[in-house]
Structures are given as C-alpha cells and as structure tokens.
Amino acid sequence: MAVRVLPEAFRQIERLPVSIHRRVLSVLERLEKWPRVSGAKPLRGDLAGRYRIRTGDYRVQFTVLGVDVVVEKVGHRDGFYE
C-alpha cells in the first residue's frame, strides 16, 4: 500500500513536537501494511468510511482509496473530531 499525506496533514505533522513527530512517522510506516495494522478503528457518523489510529494523545485520521492510504488529519485528541 502507498501512504499519501494530504498537504494540510503534512503541515500538521511538521508542527508537532519532535518526540510526537517521530511517533507519527512510525504510524505512517505501519499504515504501509494496511489492512494488517493493529489499533486502527473505523469512525462513525459524519466520519464514516474513515479510520483513526492513536499514538499517545495524538490521532491520525485516514481513509483507504483503492490501493492508497490517504492521511487526512493529524492532531491532539482534544477537539480532533470536531
């Protein structure tokens, strides 16, 4: 699987503290093995069809389009789903 990061998500990753930045990059490497990724949870409601994976207090929201995993959003859990 190819992992694509949308421009806004890329900016969000770049603004993270260094320790969190490394953990998020590790999550992106794990997503290359989709669907054999542990910890990914499907979202519901308005976000149905998307998934999230946690790393500490931070979340990575993504969707699967064909053979691509598309990272849409990265951020702290506070207000992440709003």
N, C-alpha and C. Protein backbone atom coordinates (compact mmCIF):
# COMPACT_ATOMS: atom_id res chain seq x y z
N MET A 1 0.84 -1.19 0.00
CA MET A 1 0.00 0.00 0.00
C MET A 1 0.88 1.25 0.00
N ALA A 2 0.45 2.22 -0.71
CA ALA A 2 1.13 3.51 -0.71
C ALA A 2 0.43 4.43 0.29
N VAL A 3 1.20 5.17 1.06
CA VAL A 3 0.64 6.12 2.01
C VAL A 3 0.85 7.51 1.44
N ARG A 4 -0.27 8.22 1.24
CA ARG A 4 -0.21 9.61 0.77
C ARG A 4 -0.66 10.51 1.91
N VAL A 5 0.02 11.62 2.09
CA VAL A 5 -0.32 12.58 3.14
C VAL A 5 -0.81 13.85 2.46
N LEU A 6 -2.04 14.24 2.77
CA LEU A 6 -2.58 15.47 2.19
C LEU A 6 -1.78 16.67 2.71
N PRO A 7 -1.72 17.76 1.93
CA PRO A 7 -0.91 18.93 2.33
C PRO A 7 -1.23 19.46 3.73
N GLU A 8 -2.49 19.55 4.09
CA GLU A 8 -2.85 20.06 5.42
C GLU A 8 -2.34 19.12 6.51
N ALA A 9 -2.47 17.82 6.30
CA ALA A 9 -1.96 16.85 7.28
C ALA A 9 -0.44 16.95 7.38
N PHE A 10 0.23 17.18 6.26
CA PHE A 10 1.69 17.33 6.27
C PHE A 10 2.08 18.53 7.13
N ARG A 11 1.37 19.65 6.98
CA ARG A 11 1.65 20.83 7.79
C ARG A 11 1.41 20.53 9.27
N GLN A 12 0.35 19.78 9.56
CA GLN A 12 0.06 19.43 10.96
C GLN A 12 1.18 18.57 11.55
N ILE A 13 1.69 17.64 10.76
CA ILE A 13 2.79 16.79 11.23
C ILE A 13 4.04 17.63 11.49
N GLU A 14 4.34 18.56 10.58
CA GLU A 14 5.54 19.38 10.72
C GLU A 14 5.50 20.26 11.97
N ARG A 15 4.31 20.61 12.45
CA ARG A 15 4.18 21.48 13.63
C ARG A 15 4.23 20.72 14.95
N LEU A 16 4.28 19.40 14.90
CA LEU A 16 4.28 18.60 16.12
C LEU A 16 5.61 18.69 16.85
N PRO A 17 5.58 18.48 18.19
CA PRO A 17 6.86 18.38 18.93
C PRO A 17 7.67 17.21 18.38
N VAL A 18 8.98 17.28 18.51
CA VAL A 18 9.88 16.30 17.89
C VAL A 18 9.53 14.86 18.30
N SER A 19 9.28 14.63 19.57
CA SER A 19 9.00 13.26 20.03
C SER A 19 7.71 12.72 19.42
N ILE A 20 6.70 13.55 19.32
CA ILE A 20 5.42 13.15 18.72
C ILE A 20 5.59 12.98 17.21
N HIS A 21 6.37 13.85 16.61
CA HIS A 21 6.63 13.79 15.16
C HIS A 21 7.19 12.42 14.80
N ARG A 22 8.16 11.93 15.58
CA ARG A 22 8.75 10.61 15.32
C ARG A 22 7.71 9.51 15.44
N ARG A 23 6.85 9.62 16.46
CA ARG A 23 5.83 8.58 16.66
C ARG A 23 4.83 8.57 15.51
N VAL A 24 4.46 9.73 15.01
CA VAL A 24 3.52 9.81 13.89
C VAL A 24 4.16 9.21 12.63
N LEU A 25 5.44 9.49 12.41
CA LEU A 25 6.12 8.90 11.25
C LEU A 25 6.14 7.38 11.36
N SER A 26 6.28 6.86 12.58
CA SER A 26 6.22 5.42 12.80
C SER A 26 4.84 4.87 12.44
N VAL A 27 3.79 5.61 12.79
CA VAL A 27 2.42 5.21 12.43
C VAL A 27 2.27 5.17 10.91
N LEU A 28 2.83 6.15 10.22
CA LEU A 28 2.73 6.19 8.76
C LEU A 28 3.41 4.97 8.15
N GLU A 29 4.53 4.55 8.72
CA GLU A 29 5.21 3.34 8.23
C GLU A 29 4.33 2.11 8.46
N ARG A 30 3.66 2.06 9.60
CA ARG A 30 2.76 0.94 9.89
C ARG A 30 1.61 0.89 8.90
N LEU A 31 1.13 2.06 8.47
CA LEU A 31 -0.01 2.11 7.55
C LEU A 31 0.33 1.53 6.18
N GLU A 32 1.61 1.44 5.84
CA GLU A 32 2.00 0.82 4.58
C GLU A 32 1.60 -0.65 4.53
N LYS A 33 1.36 -1.24 5.69
CA LYS A 33 0.99 -2.66 5.76
C LYS A 33 -0.54 -2.86 5.82
N TRP A 34 -1.30 -1.82 5.51
CA TRP A 34 -2.75 -1.92 5.55
C TRP A 34 -3.21 -3.10 4.71
N PRO A 35 -4.14 -3.93 5.14
CA PRO A 35 -5.03 -3.85 6.31
C PRO A 35 -4.50 -4.56 7.55
N ARG A 36 -3.25 -5.01 7.55
CA ARG A 36 -2.71 -5.70 8.72
C ARG A 36 -2.14 -4.69 9.72
N VAL A 37 -2.93 -3.71 10.10
CA VAL A 37 -2.50 -2.66 11.03
C VAL A 37 -3.30 -2.79 12.30
N SER A 38 -2.61 -3.00 13.41
CA SER A 38 -3.33 -3.10 14.67
C SER A 38 -3.63 -1.71 15.21
N GLY A 39 -4.74 -1.58 15.89
CA GLY A 39 -5.09 -0.32 16.53
C GLY A 39 -5.89 0.64 15.67
N ALA A 40 -6.11 0.34 14.41
CA ALA A 40 -6.91 1.23 13.56
C ALA A 40 -8.39 0.99 13.87
N LYS A 41 -9.12 2.07 14.04
CA LYS A 41 -10.53 1.96 14.41
C LYS A 41 -11.38 2.73 13.39
N PRO A 42 -12.43 2.09 12.87
CA PRO A 42 -13.31 2.82 11.93
C PRO A 42 -14.09 3.90 12.68
N LEU A 43 -14.27 5.03 12.03
CA LEU A 43 -15.03 6.13 12.62
C LEU A 43 -16.49 6.02 12.21
N ARG A 44 -17.34 6.70 12.97
CA ARG A 44 -18.79 6.61 12.72
C ARG A 44 -19.37 8.00 12.45
N GLY A 45 -20.65 8.01 12.19
CA GLY A 45 -21.35 9.28 11.97
C GLY A 45 -20.90 9.97 10.71
N ASP A 46 -20.64 11.29 10.82
CA ASP A 46 -20.21 12.07 9.66
C ASP A 46 -18.86 11.62 9.11
N LEU A 47 -18.09 10.93 9.94
CA LEU A 47 -16.76 10.49 9.53
C LEU A 47 -16.74 9.03 9.10
N ALA A 48 -17.90 8.44 8.89
CA ALA A 48 -17.98 7.03 8.46
C ALA A 48 -17.18 6.84 7.18
N GLY A 49 -16.49 5.72 7.09
CA GLY A 49 -15.64 5.44 5.93
C GLY A 49 -14.19 5.82 6.16
N ARG A 50 -13.94 6.52 7.27
CA ARG A 50 -12.58 6.91 7.63
C ARG A 50 -12.15 6.09 8.84
N TYR A 51 -10.87 6.12 9.12
CA TYR A 51 -10.30 5.39 10.26
C TYR A 51 -9.44 6.34 11.06
N ARG A 52 -9.15 5.92 12.30
CA ARG A 52 -8.19 6.66 13.10
C ARG A 52 -7.29 5.66 13.79
N ILE A 53 -6.09 6.11 14.05
CA ILE A 53 -5.13 5.32 14.81
C ILE A 53 -4.51 6.26 15.84
N ARG A 54 -4.33 5.75 17.05
CA ARG A 54 -3.83 6.58 18.15
C ARG A 54 -2.34 6.39 18.33
N THR A 55 -1.70 7.45 18.78
CA THR A 55 -0.34 7.37 19.28
C THR A 55 -0.26 8.34 20.44
N GLY A 56 -0.39 7.79 21.64
CA GLY A 56 -0.47 8.64 22.83
C GLY A 56 -1.73 9.47 22.79
N ASP A 57 -1.59 10.78 23.01
CA ASP A 57 -2.74 11.70 22.99
C ASP A 57 -3.01 12.24 21.59
N TYR A 58 -2.32 11.74 20.60
CA TYR A 58 -2.48 12.23 19.23
C TYR A 58 -3.18 11.20 18.36
N ARG A 59 -3.85 11.70 17.32
CA ARG A 59 -4.62 10.85 16.42
C ARG A 59 -4.20 11.10 14.98
N VAL A 60 -4.26 10.04 14.19
CA VAL A 60 -4.03 10.13 12.75
C VAL A 60 -5.30 9.64 12.08
N GLN A 61 -5.96 10.50 11.32
CA GLN A 61 -7.19 10.14 10.61
C GLN A 61 -6.84 9.86 9.15
N PHE A 62 -7.36 8.74 8.65
CA PHE A 62 -7.05 8.38 7.27
C PHE A 62 -8.22 7.66 6.63
N THR A 63 -8.16 7.55 5.32
CA THR A 63 -9.14 6.81 4.55
C THR A 63 -8.38 5.92 3.57
N VAL A 64 -9.05 4.89 3.10
CA VAL A 64 -8.43 3.97 2.14
C VAL A 64 -9.13 4.15 0.80
N LEU A 65 -8.35 4.51 -0.21
CA LEU A 65 -8.87 4.71 -1.56
C LEU A 65 -8.14 3.77 -2.50
N GLY A 66 -8.77 2.68 -2.85
CA GLY A 66 -8.13 1.70 -3.73
C GLY A 66 -6.91 1.11 -3.07
N VAL A 67 -5.75 1.36 -3.66
CA VAL A 67 -4.50 0.82 -3.11
C VAL A 67 -3.74 1.88 -2.30
N ASP A 68 -4.35 3.02 -2.05
CA ASP A 68 -3.70 4.09 -1.29
C ASP A 68 -4.35 4.29 0.07
N VAL A 69 -3.51 4.55 1.06
CA VAL A 69 -3.97 5.02 2.37
C VAL A 69 -3.71 6.52 2.36
N VAL A 70 -4.76 7.32 2.54
CA VAL A 70 -4.65 8.77 2.45
C VAL A 70 -4.82 9.37 3.85
N VAL A 71 -3.74 9.96 4.37
CA VAL A 71 -3.77 10.60 5.69
C VAL A 71 -4.38 11.98 5.51
N GLU A 72 -5.48 12.22 6.23
CA GLU A 72 -6.23 13.46 6.07
C GLU A 72 -5.98 14.47 7.18
N LYS A 73 -5.69 13.97 8.39
CA LYS A 73 -5.62 14.87 9.53
C LYS A 73 -4.76 14.24 10.62
N VAL A 74 -3.98 15.08 11.31
CA VAL A 74 -3.15 14.64 12.43
C VAL A 74 -3.28 15.70 13.51
N GLY A 75 -3.53 15.27 14.74
CA GLY A 75 -3.63 16.27 15.81
C GLY A 75 -3.87 15.67 17.17
N HIS A 76 -3.91 16.56 18.16
CA HIS A 76 -4.17 16.18 19.55
C HIS A 76 -5.62 15.76 19.68
N ARG A 77 -5.87 14.84 20.60
CA ARG A 77 -7.22 14.31 20.76
C ARG A 77 -8.25 15.36 21.15
N ASP A 78 -7.83 16.43 21.84
CA ASP A 78 -8.77 17.49 22.21
C ASP A 78 -9.29 18.20 20.98
N GLY A 79 -10.55 18.05 20.69
CA GLY A 79 -11.16 18.71 19.55
C GLY A 79 -10.83 18.09 18.21
N PHE A 80 -10.21 16.92 18.22
CA PHE A 80 -9.79 16.29 16.96
C PHE A 80 -10.96 15.96 16.05
N TYR A 81 -12.08 15.53 16.62
CA TYR A 81 -13.20 15.04 15.81
C TYR A 81 -14.22 16.13 15.50
N GLU A 82 -13.96 17.35 15.90
CA GLU A 82 -14.93 18.44 15.66
C GLU A 82 -14.77 19.04 14.29
